[in-house]
């Protein structure tokens, strides 16, 4: 994400000054800062990947490829591109620098993290409507005891990876 500070009001600049590790913020706090981040952004890119693709290529490789595509979509000449923790290496056409703990050290990474988490949370709330009973709205993509019990009881939904070696999956035929 590229931030254009010159377009922002003083109030928005102050709000962005509060950005830090988005994992330390509640979902409500991330939702509140989200419109400010969107107003501040000169460019935003979000990439989602399907379960089949993740199963066939692996989660880590899929995530790195998605990050590379996002970097290529937001990069502008002369800007320094930063990633949170991982370098995407040669798979990305844009020069970039990995920053360990980046969402606590870079406003741009923290802002991108807010965009990613709010987008994911909103998607998971919609998934709850499509696949009730799995607790997607409450776990927003993370395993909980209730979610694992629902998988055992109902079997995995179309949103569940078949390649994931979860304890909840161990009792199921996934063929």
N, C-alpha and C. Protein backbone atom coordinates (compact mmCIF):
# COMPACT_ATOMS: atom_id res chain seq x y z
N UNK A 1 0.83 -1.16 0.00
CA UNK A 1 0.00 0.00 0.00
C UNK A 1 0.89 1.24 0.00
N UNK A 2 0.55 2.21 -0.78
CA UNK A 2 1.28 3.47 -0.86
C UNK A 2 0.43 4.55 -0.20
N UNK A 3 0.98 5.25 0.79
CA UNK A 3 0.25 6.29 1.52
C UNK A 3 0.59 7.67 0.96
N UNK A 4 -0.44 8.47 0.69
CA UNK A 4 -0.28 9.84 0.21
C UNK A 4 -0.68 10.78 1.34
N UNK A 5 0.28 11.15 2.16
CA UNK A 5 0.01 11.96 3.35
C UNK A 5 -0.49 13.36 3.01
N UNK A 6 -0.12 13.89 1.86
CA UNK A 6 -0.50 15.26 1.50
C UNK A 6 -2.00 15.42 1.30
N UNK A 7 -2.71 14.34 1.01
CA UNK A 7 -4.15 14.42 0.77
C UNK A 7 -4.96 14.34 2.05
N UNK A 8 -4.32 14.20 3.19
CA UNK A 8 -5.02 13.90 4.43
C UNK A 8 -5.29 15.13 5.30
N UNK A 9 -6.39 15.07 6.00
CA UNK A 9 -6.68 16.09 6.99
C UNK A 9 -5.79 15.87 8.21
N UNK A 10 -5.71 16.87 9.06
CA UNK A 10 -4.94 16.74 10.29
C UNK A 10 -5.50 15.61 11.15
N UNK A 11 -6.81 15.49 11.20
CA UNK A 11 -7.45 14.42 11.98
C UNK A 11 -7.03 13.04 11.46
N UNK A 12 -7.04 12.87 10.13
CA UNK A 12 -6.62 11.59 9.55
C UNK A 12 -5.14 11.31 9.81
N UNK A 13 -4.31 12.34 9.73
CA UNK A 13 -2.88 12.15 10.01
C UNK A 13 -2.67 11.70 11.45
N UNK A 14 -3.42 12.29 12.36
CA UNK A 14 -3.31 11.87 13.77
C UNK A 14 -3.76 10.43 13.94
N UNK A 15 -4.85 10.06 13.28
CA UNK A 15 -5.34 8.68 13.37
C UNK A 15 -4.30 7.70 12.83
N UNK A 16 -3.67 8.06 11.72
CA UNK A 16 -2.64 7.19 11.17
C UNK A 16 -1.42 7.11 12.08
N UNK A 17 -1.20 8.15 12.86
CA UNK A 17 -0.10 8.14 13.82
C UNK A 17 -0.29 7.06 14.89
N UNK A 18 -1.51 6.59 15.04
CA UNK A 18 -1.82 5.54 16.01
C UNK A 18 -1.62 4.14 15.43
N UNK A 19 -1.32 4.05 14.13
CA UNK A 19 -1.12 2.74 13.52
C UNK A 19 0.06 2.03 14.16
N UNK A 20 -0.14 0.77 14.44
CA UNK A 20 0.95 -0.10 14.87
C UNK A 20 0.54 -1.52 14.52
N UNK A 21 1.10 -2.48 15.17
CA UNK A 21 0.81 -3.87 14.89
C UNK A 21 -0.69 -4.12 14.97
N UNK A 22 -1.31 -4.43 13.85
CA UNK A 22 -2.77 -4.57 13.81
C UNK A 22 -3.26 -5.75 14.66
N UNK A 23 -2.39 -6.69 14.95
CA UNK A 23 -2.78 -7.81 15.81
C UNK A 23 -3.01 -7.35 17.25
N UNK A 24 -2.49 -6.17 17.59
CA UNK A 24 -2.67 -5.61 18.92
C UNK A 24 -3.95 -4.79 19.03
N UNK A 25 -4.68 -4.67 17.94
CA UNK A 25 -5.92 -3.89 17.89
C UNK A 25 -7.11 -4.81 17.81
N UNK A 26 -8.21 -4.39 18.37
CA UNK A 26 -9.44 -5.16 18.26
C UNK A 26 -10.01 -5.03 16.85
N UNK A 27 -10.92 -5.92 16.53
CA UNK A 27 -11.58 -5.84 15.22
C UNK A 27 -12.30 -4.49 15.08
N UNK A 28 -12.92 -4.01 16.14
CA UNK A 28 -13.62 -2.72 16.08
C UNK A 28 -12.64 -1.58 15.83
N UNK A 29 -11.48 -1.62 16.47
CA UNK A 29 -10.47 -0.58 16.25
C UNK A 29 -9.94 -0.62 14.82
N UNK A 30 -9.75 -1.82 14.28
CA UNK A 30 -9.29 -1.93 12.88
C UNK A 30 -10.36 -1.40 11.93
N UNK A 31 -11.63 -1.73 12.20
CA UNK A 31 -12.73 -1.22 11.36
C UNK A 31 -12.78 0.31 11.41
N UNK A 32 -12.51 0.89 12.57
CA UNK A 32 -12.56 2.35 12.71
C UNK A 32 -11.46 3.04 11.91
N UNK A 33 -10.27 2.45 11.89
CA UNK A 33 -9.15 3.08 11.17
C UNK A 33 -9.18 2.75 9.67
N UNK A 34 -9.89 1.72 9.28
CA UNK A 34 -9.95 1.28 7.88
C UNK A 34 -10.29 2.41 6.90
N UNK A 35 -11.38 3.19 7.13
CA UNK A 35 -11.68 4.25 6.16
C UNK A 35 -10.60 5.32 6.09
N UNK A 36 -9.91 5.56 7.19
CA UNK A 36 -8.81 6.52 7.19
C UNK A 36 -7.68 5.98 6.31
N UNK A 37 -7.38 4.72 6.47
CA UNK A 37 -6.33 4.08 5.66
C UNK A 37 -6.70 4.14 4.19
N UNK A 38 -7.95 3.86 3.87
CA UNK A 38 -8.40 3.91 2.47
C UNK A 38 -8.26 5.33 1.92
N UNK A 39 -8.64 6.33 2.70
CA UNK A 39 -8.49 7.73 2.24
C UNK A 39 -7.03 8.08 2.04
N UNK A 40 -6.16 7.54 2.87
CA UNK A 40 -4.73 7.86 2.81
C UNK A 40 -4.02 7.16 1.67
N UNK A 41 -4.58 6.07 1.24
CA UNK A 41 -3.88 5.23 0.27
C UNK A 41 -3.91 5.82 -1.13
N UNK A 42 -2.75 5.90 -1.73
CA UNK A 42 -2.67 6.27 -3.14
C UNK A 42 -3.01 5.06 -4.00
N UNK A 43 -2.64 3.87 -3.51
CA UNK A 43 -2.93 2.61 -4.18
C UNK A 43 -3.13 1.52 -3.13
N UNK A 44 -4.09 0.66 -3.39
CA UNK A 44 -4.34 -0.50 -2.53
C UNK A 44 -4.55 -1.71 -3.44
N UNK A 45 -4.01 -2.83 -3.03
CA UNK A 45 -4.24 -4.09 -3.74
C UNK A 45 -4.53 -5.17 -2.71
N UNK A 46 -5.58 -5.92 -2.97
CA UNK A 46 -5.92 -7.07 -2.14
C UNK A 46 -6.05 -8.26 -3.06
N UNK A 47 -5.47 -9.36 -2.68
CA UNK A 47 -5.53 -10.57 -3.47
C UNK A 47 -6.06 -11.70 -2.61
N UNK A 48 -7.03 -12.43 -3.14
CA UNK A 48 -7.56 -13.61 -2.46
C UNK A 48 -7.22 -14.83 -3.31
N UNK A 49 -7.03 -15.92 -2.66
CA UNK A 49 -6.73 -17.18 -3.34
C UNK A 49 -7.73 -18.24 -2.93
N UNK A 50 -8.06 -19.13 -3.87
CA UNK A 50 -9.06 -20.16 -3.61
C UNK A 50 -8.44 -21.36 -2.90
N UNK A 51 -9.31 -22.13 -2.29
CA UNK A 51 -8.89 -23.31 -1.54
C UNK A 51 -8.15 -24.30 -2.43
N UNK A 52 -8.66 -24.55 -3.63
CA UNK A 52 -8.01 -25.50 -4.54
C UNK A 52 -6.58 -25.09 -4.86
N UNK A 53 -6.38 -23.81 -5.11
CA UNK A 53 -5.03 -23.32 -5.41
C UNK A 53 -4.11 -23.48 -4.22
N UNK A 54 -4.61 -23.18 -3.03
CA UNK A 54 -3.80 -23.34 -1.82
C UNK A 54 -3.45 -24.81 -1.61
N UNK A 55 -4.44 -25.68 -1.80
CA UNK A 55 -4.18 -27.11 -1.64
C UNK A 55 -3.15 -27.63 -2.64
N UNK A 56 -3.19 -27.13 -3.85
CA UNK A 56 -2.26 -27.66 -4.87
C UNK A 56 -0.86 -27.07 -4.76
N UNK A 57 -0.72 -25.83 -4.30
CA UNK A 57 0.59 -25.18 -4.28
C UNK A 57 1.16 -25.00 -2.88
N UNK A 58 0.34 -25.16 -1.86
CA UNK A 58 0.78 -24.95 -0.48
C UNK A 58 0.47 -23.54 -0.03
N UNK A 59 0.18 -23.39 1.26
CA UNK A 59 -0.22 -22.09 1.80
C UNK A 59 0.91 -21.06 1.72
N UNK A 60 2.12 -21.43 2.13
CA UNK A 60 3.22 -20.47 2.14
C UNK A 60 3.54 -19.96 0.73
N UNK A 61 3.66 -20.86 -0.24
CA UNK A 61 3.93 -20.44 -1.63
C UNK A 61 2.80 -19.59 -2.18
N UNK A 62 1.57 -19.97 -1.88
CA UNK A 62 0.42 -19.19 -2.35
C UNK A 62 0.43 -17.79 -1.75
N UNK A 63 0.73 -17.69 -0.46
CA UNK A 63 0.79 -16.38 0.20
C UNK A 63 1.89 -15.51 -0.40
N UNK A 64 3.06 -16.08 -0.64
CA UNK A 64 4.16 -15.30 -1.22
C UNK A 64 3.83 -14.83 -2.63
N UNK A 65 3.20 -15.68 -3.43
CA UNK A 65 2.80 -15.27 -4.78
C UNK A 65 1.75 -14.15 -4.71
N UNK A 66 0.81 -14.26 -3.78
CA UNK A 66 -0.21 -13.21 -3.64
C UNK A 66 0.44 -11.90 -3.22
N UNK A 67 1.39 -11.96 -2.29
CA UNK A 67 2.09 -10.76 -1.86
C UNK A 67 2.87 -10.15 -3.02
N UNK A 68 3.51 -10.96 -3.83
CA UNK A 68 4.25 -10.46 -4.99
C UNK A 68 3.32 -9.74 -5.95
N UNK A 69 2.15 -10.31 -6.23
CA UNK A 69 1.20 -9.66 -7.15
C UNK A 69 0.71 -8.33 -6.57
N UNK A 70 0.47 -8.28 -5.27
CA UNK A 70 0.03 -7.02 -4.66
C UNK A 70 1.13 -5.97 -4.74
N UNK A 71 2.37 -6.36 -4.45
CA UNK A 71 3.49 -5.40 -4.55
C UNK A 71 3.58 -4.84 -5.96
N UNK A 72 3.45 -5.70 -6.96
CA UNK A 72 3.54 -5.24 -8.35
C UNK A 72 2.41 -4.28 -8.69
N UNK A 73 1.26 -4.43 -8.08
CA UNK A 73 0.12 -3.56 -8.37
C UNK A 73 0.20 -2.22 -7.66
N UNK A 74 0.89 -2.13 -6.52
CA UNK A 74 0.94 -0.86 -5.79
C UNK A 74 2.24 -0.09 -6.00
N UNK A 75 3.26 -0.73 -6.50
CA UNK A 75 4.58 -0.09 -6.63
C UNK A 75 4.53 1.08 -7.61
N UNK A 76 5.28 2.12 -7.26
CA UNK A 76 5.46 3.26 -8.16
C UNK A 76 6.96 3.51 -8.28
N UNK A 77 7.39 4.04 -9.41
CA UNK A 77 8.82 4.29 -9.59
C UNK A 77 9.37 5.18 -8.47
N UNK A 78 10.50 4.79 -7.94
CA UNK A 78 11.18 5.57 -6.92
C UNK A 78 10.75 5.29 -5.50
N UNK A 79 9.65 4.56 -5.33
CA UNK A 79 9.17 4.24 -3.97
C UNK A 79 9.90 3.01 -3.45
N UNK A 80 10.08 2.96 -2.16
CA UNK A 80 10.66 1.80 -1.52
C UNK A 80 9.52 0.87 -1.13
N UNK A 81 9.57 -0.38 -1.58
CA UNK A 81 8.54 -1.35 -1.23
C UNK A 81 9.02 -2.19 -0.05
N UNK A 82 8.16 -2.31 0.94
CA UNK A 82 8.47 -3.07 2.15
C UNK A 82 7.48 -4.22 2.28
N UNK A 83 7.95 -5.33 2.81
CA UNK A 83 7.07 -6.44 3.15
C UNK A 83 7.24 -6.77 4.62
N UNK A 84 6.21 -7.36 5.18
CA UNK A 84 6.22 -7.69 6.61
C UNK A 84 6.82 -9.07 6.83
N UNK A 85 8.10 -9.09 7.12
CA UNK A 85 8.75 -10.32 7.54
C UNK A 85 9.34 -11.18 6.45
N UNK A 86 8.65 -11.34 5.33
CA UNK A 86 9.11 -12.24 4.29
C UNK A 86 9.51 -11.49 3.04
N UNK A 87 10.61 -11.89 2.46
CA UNK A 87 10.95 -11.45 1.11
C UNK A 87 10.25 -12.40 0.15
N UNK A 88 9.76 -11.88 -0.93
CA UNK A 88 9.14 -12.75 -1.92
C UNK A 88 10.12 -13.14 -3.01
N UNK A 89 11.35 -12.65 -2.87
CA UNK A 89 12.43 -13.08 -3.76
C UNK A 89 12.19 -12.77 -5.22
N UNK A 90 12.65 -13.68 -6.05
CA UNK A 90 12.59 -13.48 -7.51
C UNK A 90 11.20 -13.61 -8.09
N UNK A 91 10.26 -14.12 -7.32
CA UNK A 91 8.91 -14.28 -7.84
C UNK A 91 8.23 -12.92 -8.05
N UNK A 92 8.85 -11.83 -7.56
CA UNK A 92 8.28 -10.49 -7.66
C UNK A 92 9.16 -9.63 -8.55
N UNK A 93 8.54 -8.91 -9.47
CA UNK A 93 9.28 -8.06 -10.39
C UNK A 93 9.70 -6.73 -9.76
N UNK A 94 9.23 -6.46 -8.54
CA UNK A 94 9.50 -5.20 -7.86
C UNK A 94 10.54 -5.41 -6.78
N UNK A 95 11.53 -4.52 -6.74
CA UNK A 95 12.51 -4.59 -5.67
C UNK A 95 11.83 -4.25 -4.35
N UNK A 96 12.16 -5.01 -3.32
CA UNK A 96 11.51 -4.81 -2.03
C UNK A 96 12.44 -5.22 -0.90
N UNK A 97 12.08 -4.79 0.29
CA UNK A 97 12.86 -5.10 1.48
C UNK A 97 11.92 -5.71 2.52
N UNK A 98 12.32 -6.84 3.07
CA UNK A 98 11.54 -7.48 4.13
C UNK A 98 11.91 -6.82 5.46
N UNK A 99 10.90 -6.49 6.24
CA UNK A 99 11.10 -5.87 7.55
C UNK A 99 10.52 -6.80 8.61
N UNK A 100 11.38 -7.35 9.45
CA UNK A 100 10.91 -8.22 10.52
C UNK A 100 10.10 -7.37 11.50
N UNK A 101 8.91 -7.84 11.85
CA UNK A 101 8.03 -7.06 12.72
C UNK A 101 7.56 -5.79 12.05
N UNK A 102 7.40 -5.83 10.74
CA UNK A 102 7.12 -4.64 9.94
C UNK A 102 5.88 -3.88 10.31
N UNK A 103 4.81 -4.58 10.72
CA UNK A 103 3.59 -3.83 11.03
C UNK A 103 3.70 -3.06 12.34
N UNK A 104 4.76 -3.28 13.11
CA UNK A 104 5.03 -2.47 14.30
C UNK A 104 6.10 -1.42 14.02
N UNK A 105 6.72 -1.48 12.82
CA UNK A 105 7.83 -0.57 12.52
C UNK A 105 7.57 0.35 11.33
N UNK A 106 6.57 0.05 10.51
CA UNK A 106 6.30 0.84 9.31
C UNK A 106 4.82 1.16 9.23
N UNK A 107 4.49 2.44 9.06
CA UNK A 107 3.09 2.85 8.93
C UNK A 107 2.45 2.23 7.69
N UNK A 108 3.20 2.14 6.61
CA UNK A 108 2.65 1.56 5.38
C UNK A 108 2.34 0.08 5.56
N UNK A 109 3.23 -0.66 6.22
CA UNK A 109 2.96 -2.08 6.47
C UNK A 109 1.81 -2.22 7.44
N UNK A 110 1.77 -1.41 8.49
CA UNK A 110 0.67 -1.47 9.45
C UNK A 110 -0.66 -1.17 8.75
N UNK A 111 -0.67 -0.19 7.87
CA UNK A 111 -1.88 0.16 7.13
C UNK A 111 -2.31 -0.99 6.22
N UNK A 112 -1.35 -1.60 5.54
CA UNK A 112 -1.66 -2.75 4.68
C UNK A 112 -2.21 -3.90 5.50
N UNK A 113 -1.67 -4.08 6.69
CA UNK A 113 -2.15 -5.14 7.58
C UNK A 113 -3.60 -4.89 8.01
N UNK A 114 -3.94 -3.64 8.27
CA UNK A 114 -5.33 -3.29 8.60
C UNK A 114 -6.24 -3.65 7.43
N UNK A 115 -5.84 -3.26 6.22
CA UNK A 115 -6.64 -3.57 5.02
C UNK A 115 -6.82 -5.08 4.91
N UNK A 116 -5.75 -5.84 5.07
CA UNK A 116 -5.82 -7.29 4.94
C UNK A 116 -6.73 -7.91 6.00
N UNK A 117 -6.57 -7.50 7.24
CA UNK A 117 -7.35 -8.11 8.32
C UNK A 117 -8.82 -7.73 8.25
N UNK A 118 -9.12 -6.48 7.93
CA UNK A 118 -10.52 -6.07 7.82
C UNK A 118 -11.17 -6.79 6.63
N UNK A 119 -10.46 -6.89 5.53
CA UNK A 119 -10.99 -7.60 4.36
C UNK A 119 -11.26 -9.06 4.70
N UNK A 120 -10.30 -9.71 5.37
CA UNK A 120 -10.49 -11.10 5.76
C UNK A 120 -11.66 -11.25 6.73
N UNK A 121 -11.74 -10.39 7.73
CA UNK A 121 -12.83 -10.49 8.71
C UNK A 121 -14.19 -10.31 8.05
N UNK A 122 -14.29 -9.36 7.13
CA UNK A 122 -15.57 -9.15 6.44
C UNK A 122 -15.93 -10.37 5.60
N UNK A 123 -14.94 -10.95 4.95
CA UNK A 123 -15.18 -12.16 4.16
C UNK A 123 -15.66 -13.30 5.07
N UNK A 124 -15.03 -13.47 6.21
CA UNK A 124 -15.40 -14.55 7.12
C UNK A 124 -16.81 -14.35 7.68
N UNK A 125 -17.23 -13.11 7.87
CA UNK A 125 -18.61 -12.86 8.30
C UNK A 125 -19.60 -13.26 7.20
N UNK A 126 -19.23 -13.01 5.94
CA UNK A 126 -20.08 -13.46 4.83
C UNK A 126 -20.06 -14.99 4.74
N UNK A 127 -18.91 -15.60 5.01
CA UNK A 127 -18.80 -17.07 4.98
C UNK A 127 -19.71 -17.70 6.02
N UNK A 128 -19.87 -17.04 7.15
CA UNK A 128 -20.76 -17.54 8.20
C UNK A 128 -22.19 -17.65 7.67
N UNK A 129 -22.59 -16.70 6.83
CA UNK A 129 -23.94 -16.75 6.26
C UNK A 129 -24.07 -17.90 5.27
N UNK A 130 -23.03 -18.13 4.49
CA UNK A 130 -23.06 -19.19 3.48
C UNK A 130 -22.87 -20.58 4.09
N UNK A 131 -22.10 -20.66 5.16
CA UNK A 131 -21.80 -21.94 5.81
C UNK A 131 -22.04 -21.82 7.31
N UNK A 132 -23.30 -21.71 7.71
CA UNK A 132 -23.60 -21.55 9.14
C UNK A 132 -23.17 -22.77 9.95
N UNK A 133 -22.86 -22.52 11.19
CA UNK A 133 -22.52 -23.60 12.09
C UNK A 133 -21.04 -23.85 12.27
N UNK A 134 -20.21 -23.23 11.45
CA UNK A 134 -18.76 -23.41 11.59
C UNK A 134 -18.11 -22.33 12.44
N UNK A 135 -18.86 -21.29 12.76
CA UNK A 135 -18.32 -20.23 13.59
C UNK A 135 -17.33 -19.32 12.88
N UNK A 136 -17.44 -19.21 11.56
CA UNK A 136 -16.49 -18.38 10.81
C UNK A 136 -16.48 -16.94 11.28
N UNK A 137 -17.64 -16.38 11.62
CA UNK A 137 -17.69 -14.97 12.06
C UNK A 137 -16.94 -14.77 13.36
N UNK A 138 -16.92 -15.78 14.20
CA UNK A 138 -16.24 -15.66 15.49
C UNK A 138 -14.77 -16.00 15.45
N UNK A 139 -14.40 -16.93 14.56
CA UNK A 139 -12.98 -17.32 14.54
C UNK A 139 -12.20 -16.65 13.41
N UNK A 140 -12.90 -15.99 12.51
CA UNK A 140 -12.32 -15.28 11.37
C UNK A 140 -11.11 -16.00 10.76
N UNK A 141 -11.25 -17.29 10.56
CA UNK A 141 -10.22 -18.04 9.85
C UNK A 141 -9.22 -18.75 10.73
N UNK A 142 -9.33 -18.60 12.02
CA UNK A 142 -8.41 -19.29 12.93
C UNK A 142 -9.15 -20.44 13.60
N UNK A 143 -8.43 -21.49 13.86
CA UNK A 143 -9.03 -22.67 14.47
C UNK A 143 -9.39 -22.41 15.93
N UNK A 144 -10.57 -22.84 16.31
CA UNK A 144 -11.00 -22.79 17.70
C UNK A 144 -11.54 -24.18 18.03
N UNK A 145 -11.65 -24.53 19.30
CA UNK A 145 -12.23 -25.84 19.65
C UNK A 145 -13.64 -26.02 19.06
N UNK A 146 -14.44 -24.96 19.07
CA UNK A 146 -15.79 -25.05 18.53
C UNK A 146 -15.78 -25.29 17.02
N UNK A 147 -14.85 -24.63 16.34
CA UNK A 147 -14.74 -24.80 14.89
C UNK A 147 -14.30 -26.23 14.55
N UNK A 148 -13.32 -26.73 15.28
CA UNK A 148 -12.86 -28.11 15.05
C UNK A 148 -13.99 -29.11 15.31
N UNK A 149 -14.78 -28.88 16.35
CA UNK A 149 -15.91 -29.76 16.65
C UNK A 149 -16.94 -29.72 15.52
N UNK A 150 -17.17 -28.55 14.96
CA UNK A 150 -18.11 -28.42 13.84
C UNK A 150 -17.62 -29.18 12.62
N UNK A 151 -16.31 -29.17 12.37
CA UNK A 151 -15.76 -29.92 11.24
C UNK A 151 -15.96 -31.42 11.46
N UNK A 152 -15.71 -31.88 12.67
CA UNK A 152 -15.91 -33.30 12.97
C UNK A 152 -17.38 -33.67 12.79
N UNK A 153 -18.27 -32.81 13.26
CA UNK A 153 -19.71 -33.08 13.19
C UNK A 153 -20.25 -32.99 11.77
N UNK A 154 -19.85 -31.96 11.02
CA UNK A 154 -20.44 -31.68 9.71
C UNK A 154 -19.56 -32.11 8.53
N UNK A 155 -18.29 -32.30 8.79
CA UNK A 155 -17.33 -32.47 7.70
C UNK A 155 -16.89 -31.10 7.22
N UNK A 156 -15.79 -31.04 6.49
CA UNK A 156 -15.31 -29.73 6.03
C UNK A 156 -16.24 -29.11 5.00
N UNK A 157 -16.30 -27.80 5.00
CA UNK A 157 -17.10 -27.07 4.01
C UNK A 157 -16.23 -26.86 2.76
N UNK A 158 -16.82 -26.23 1.77
CA UNK A 158 -16.08 -25.92 0.54
C UNK A 158 -14.95 -24.93 0.81
N UNK A 159 -14.99 -24.23 1.93
CA UNK A 159 -13.94 -23.26 2.27
C UNK A 159 -12.75 -23.90 2.98
N UNK A 160 -12.88 -25.13 3.40
CA UNK A 160 -11.80 -25.77 4.15
C UNK A 160 -10.78 -26.42 3.22
N UNK A 161 -9.52 -26.19 3.55
CA UNK A 161 -8.44 -26.83 2.79
C UNK A 161 -8.44 -28.33 3.07
N UNK A 162 -8.26 -29.11 2.03
CA UNK A 162 -8.18 -30.56 2.19
C UNK A 162 -6.76 -31.00 2.52
N UNK A 163 -5.79 -30.14 2.26
CA UNK A 163 -4.39 -30.49 2.51
C UNK A 163 -3.94 -30.14 3.92
N UNK A 164 -4.80 -29.48 4.68
CA UNK A 164 -4.46 -29.02 6.02
C UNK A 164 -4.56 -30.19 6.99
N UNK A 165 -3.49 -30.43 7.74
CA UNK A 165 -3.43 -31.57 8.65
C UNK A 165 -3.94 -31.17 10.03
N UNK A 166 -5.24 -30.92 10.11
CA UNK A 166 -5.85 -30.52 11.38
C UNK A 166 -6.27 -31.75 12.18
N UNK A 167 -6.24 -31.62 13.49
CA UNK A 167 -6.72 -32.69 14.35
C UNK A 167 -8.19 -32.99 14.02
N UNK A 168 -8.94 -31.95 13.74
CA UNK A 168 -10.35 -32.15 13.41
C UNK A 168 -10.52 -32.96 12.13
N UNK A 169 -9.57 -32.88 11.22
CA UNK A 169 -9.66 -33.61 9.96
C UNK A 169 -9.25 -35.07 10.12
N UNK A 170 -8.49 -35.38 11.14
CA UNK A 170 -7.89 -36.70 11.25
C UNK A 170 -8.92 -37.83 11.28
N UNK A 171 -10.13 -37.53 11.67
CA UNK A 171 -11.17 -38.55 11.76
C UNK A 171 -12.04 -38.61 10.51
N UNK A 172 -11.73 -37.81 9.51
CA UNK A 172 -12.59 -37.72 8.33
C UNK A 172 -11.96 -38.33 7.10
N UNK A 173 -12.79 -38.80 6.21
CA UNK A 173 -12.36 -39.21 4.88
C UNK A 173 -12.47 -37.98 3.98
N UNK A 174 -11.36 -37.53 3.44
CA UNK A 174 -11.39 -36.31 2.62
C UNK A 174 -11.21 -36.59 1.14
N UNK A 175 -11.22 -37.79 0.73
CA UNK A 175 -10.97 -38.18 -0.65
C UNK A 175 -11.88 -37.67 -1.67
